[in-house]
């Protein structure tokens, strides 16, 4: 508490000592028993305030740590999602490149086979008849036959993909 002495000096007392005219004079007590009940209550209140402050600081640190951990986990999840997306895109790109390459190779082989078949001619009478009919229409017998084979192949690939998707 604060007050004035008889000589007019301003002073404040505390369980730790007295503050008089800008100077602090430490209490010379050696035991808690020497303190008044008021000072004991002040000490207990200070200890409780200190404990509450430390509990609050701990809670704040834990909140910051939890928020930091949550941000780290979110960042890691985003990184993993980005990696998975890149992997899927790379696989799709590879698949498209493979299909493109496979189609080029197939087209080249078919072209070579058409050239050989043109040199040797159709093998059966039905093929010769079909060749004459398509030539009158201005169409290429060998290319038409190749397109039919390609359609059959694509249809069987679609059916196989549908069966695989159904789990059969």
Protein backbone atom coordinates (compact mmCIF):
# COMPACT_ATOMS: atom_id res chain seq x y z
CA UNK A 1 0.00 0.00 0.00
CA UNK A 2 1.10 3.59 -0.49
CA UNK A 3 1.15 6.53 1.85
CA UNK A 4 3.15 9.39 3.35
CA UNK A 5 5.36 9.31 6.40
CA UNK A 6 5.26 11.97 9.15
CA UNK A 7 8.12 13.78 7.50
CA UNK A 8 6.18 13.90 4.17
CA UNK A 9 8.11 11.19 2.35
CA UNK A 10 6.14 9.13 -0.21
CA UNK A 11 6.42 5.41 0.37
CA UNK A 12 4.91 2.13 -0.75
CA UNK A 13 5.16 -1.14 1.07
CA UNK A 14 5.25 -4.57 -0.42
CA UNK A 15 5.95 -8.01 0.97
CA UNK A 16 9.39 -7.77 -0.62
CA UNK A 17 10.28 -4.43 0.92
CA UNK A 18 9.48 -0.71 0.98
CA UNK A 19 9.85 1.84 -1.79
CA UNK A 20 10.59 5.27 -0.34
CA UNK A 21 11.43 8.43 -2.31
CA UNK A 22 12.70 6.53 -5.33
CA UNK A 23 14.65 3.88 -3.41
CA UNK A 24 13.73 0.32 -2.60
CA UNK A 25 14.59 -1.12 0.79
CA UNK A 26 14.46 -4.90 0.94
CA UNK A 27 12.64 -6.68 3.80
CA UNK A 28 15.01 -8.44 6.14
CA UNK A 29 12.69 -11.27 7.11
CA UNK A 30 14.09 -14.80 7.18
CA UNK A 31 10.89 -16.85 7.39
CA UNK A 32 7.36 -16.75 6.03
CA UNK A 33 6.08 -16.78 9.56
CA UNK A 34 7.42 -13.24 9.98
CA UNK A 35 5.08 -11.95 7.22
CA UNK A 36 1.66 -10.54 8.00
CA UNK A 37 -1.47 -12.33 6.74
CA UNK A 38 -1.96 -9.54 4.19
CA UNK A 39 1.55 -10.06 2.79
CA UNK A 40 1.00 -13.83 2.69
CA UNK A 41 -2.21 -13.28 0.71
CA UNK A 42 -0.34 -10.94 -1.65
CA UNK A 43 2.36 -13.59 -2.19
CA UNK A 44 -0.26 -16.26 -2.89
CA UNK A 45 -2.08 -13.91 -5.30
CA UNK A 46 1.21 -13.14 -7.09
CA UNK A 47 2.01 -16.85 -7.34
CA UNK A 48 -1.46 -17.58 -8.71
CA UNK A 49 -1.16 -14.70 -11.22
CA UNK A 50 2.23 -16.05 -12.31
CA UNK A 51 0.81 -19.56 -12.66
CA UNK A 52 -2.14 -18.27 -14.71
CA UNK A 53 0.22 -16.28 -16.95
CA UNK A 54 2.40 -19.35 -17.54
CA UNK A 55 -0.67 -21.51 -18.27
CA UNK A 56 -1.87 -18.88 -20.75
CA UNK A 57 1.55 -18.68 -22.41
CA UNK A 58 1.68 -22.47 -22.64
CA UNK A 59 -1.78 -22.57 -24.24
CA UNK A 60 -0.72 -19.89 -26.75
CA UNK A 61 2.47 -21.79 -27.60
CA UNK A 62 0.47 -24.99 -28.06
CA UNK A 63 -2.00 -23.20 -30.33
CA UNK A 64 0.82 -21.76 -32.42
CA UNK A 65 2.47 -25.16 -32.62
CA UNK A 66 -0.81 -26.83 -33.62
CA UNK A 67 -1.43 -24.17 -36.28
CA UNK A 68 2.12 -24.56 -37.60
CA UNK A 69 1.71 -28.35 -37.72
CA UNK A 70 -1.62 -28.02 -39.51
CA UNK A 71 -0.05 -25.66 -42.09
CA UNK A 72 2.83 -28.11 -42.55
CA UNK A 73 0.41 -31.00 -43.06
CA UNK A 74 -1.67 -29.00 -45.54
CA UNK A 75 1.47 -28.03 -47.44
CA UNK A 76 2.60 -31.66 -47.50
CA UNK A 77 -0.85 -32.80 -48.70
CA UNK A 78 -0.77 -30.20 -51.49
CA UNK A 79 2.72 -31.30 -52.47
CA UNK A 80 1.64 -34.95 -52.59
CA UNK A 81 -1.44 -34.04 -54.63
CA UNK A 82 0.69 -32.04 -57.07
CA UNK A 83 3.14 -34.93 -57.41
CA UNK A 84 0.28 -37.38 -58.01
CA UNK A 85 -1.21 -35.05 -60.62
CA UNK A 86 2.16 -34.70 -62.35
CA UNK A 87 2.57 -38.47 -62.31
CA UNK A 88 -0.90 -38.96 -63.84
CA UNK A 89 -0.17 -36.35 -66.51
CA UNK A 90 3.17 -37.97 -67.32
CA UNK A 91 1.53 -41.40 -67.56
CA UNK A 92 -1.21 -40.01 -69.81
CA UNK A 93 1.43 -38.30 -71.98
CA UNK A 94 3.43 -41.53 -72.21
CA UNK A 95 0.29 -43.48 -73.09
CA UNK A 96 -0.63 -40.96 -75.81
CA UNK A 97 2.92 -41.03 -77.19
CA UNK A 98 2.89 -44.83 -77.18
CA UNK A 99 -0.46 -44.98 -78.98
CA UNK A 100 0.76 -42.43 -81.51
CA UNK A 101 3.96 -44.41 -82.10
CA UNK A 102 2.01 -47.65 -82.35
CA UNK A 103 -0.35 -46.10 -84.92
CA UNK A 104 2.60 -44.79 -86.99
CA UNK A 105 4.23 -48.24 -86.97
CA UNK A 106 0.94 -49.91 -87.87
CA UNK A 107 0.29 -47.41 -90.68
CA UNK A 108 3.78 -48.02 -92.07
CA UNK A 109 3.33 -51.79 -91.96
CA UNK A 110 -0.06 -51.54 -93.60
CA UNK A 111 1.37 -49.31 -96.33
CA UNK A 112 4.15 -51.85 -96.97
CA UNK A 113 1.61 -54.67 -97.06
CA UNK A 114 -0.61 -52.74 -99.53
CA UNK A 115 2.42 -52.23 -101.78
CA UNK A 116 3.22 -55.98 -101.67
CA UNK A 117 -0.41 -56.95 -102.29
CA UNK A 118 -0.65 -54.55 -105.24
CA UNK A 119 2.43 -56.18 -106.73
CA UNK A 120 1.03 -59.70 -106.31
CA UNK A 121 -2.68 -58.88 -106.80
CA UNK A 122 -5.68 -60.23 -104.88
CA UNK A 123 -5.47 -63.87 -103.85
CA UNK A 124 -9.11 -64.95 -104.27
CA UNK A 125 -11.72 -64.45 -106.97
CA UNK A 126 -13.99 -62.64 -104.49
CA UNK A 127 -11.17 -60.19 -103.71
CA UNK A 128 -10.56 -59.60 -107.43
CA UNK A 129 -14.25 -58.90 -107.96
CA UNK A 130 -14.33 -56.50 -104.98
CA UNK A 131 -11.17 -54.81 -106.33
CA UNK A 132 -12.84 -54.14 -109.70
CA UNK A 133 -16.04 -52.87 -108.08
CA UNK A 134 -14.17 -50.43 -105.78
CA UNK A 135 -11.89 -49.23 -108.61
CA UNK A 136 -14.99 -48.31 -110.65
CA UNK A 137 -16.10 -46.19 -107.68
CA UNK A 138 -12.64 -44.59 -107.45
CA UNK A 139 -11.83 -46.25 -104.14
CA UNK A 140 -8.78 -48.25 -103.06
CA UNK A 141 -9.55 -51.92 -102.31
CA UNK A 142 -6.50 -52.42 -100.10
CA UNK A 143 -7.07 -49.26 -98.09
CA UNK A 144 -10.76 -50.15 -97.63
CA UNK A 145 -9.78 -53.61 -96.36
CA UNK A 146 -7.23 -52.01 -94.01
CA UNK A 147 -9.89 -49.63 -92.62
CA UNK A 148 -12.21 -52.60 -91.94
CA UNK A 149 -9.42 -54.39 -90.09
CA UNK A 150 -8.68 -51.22 -88.09
CA UNK A 151 -12.36 -50.82 -87.13
CA UNK A 152 -12.48 -54.45 -85.97
CA UNK A 153 -9.31 -53.99 -83.93
CA UNK A 154 -10.61 -50.79 -82.29
CA UNK A 155 -13.95 -52.45 -81.49
CA UNK A 156 -12.19 -55.38 -79.82
CA UNK A 157 -9.97 -52.94 -77.84
CA UNK A 158 -13.05 -51.02 -76.64
CA UNK A 159 -14.77 -54.26 -75.63
CA UNK A 160 -11.67 -55.43 -73.75
CA UNK A 161 -11.43 -52.06 -71.98
CA UNK A 162 -15.12 -52.24 -71.01
CA UNK A 163 -14.66 -55.77 -69.66
CA UNK A 164 -11.59 -54.65 -67.67
CA UNK A 165 -13.53 -51.69 -66.25
CA UNK A 166 -16.35 -54.00 -65.15
CA UNK A 167 -13.83 -56.21 -63.38
CA UNK A 168 -14.43 -59.30 -65.50
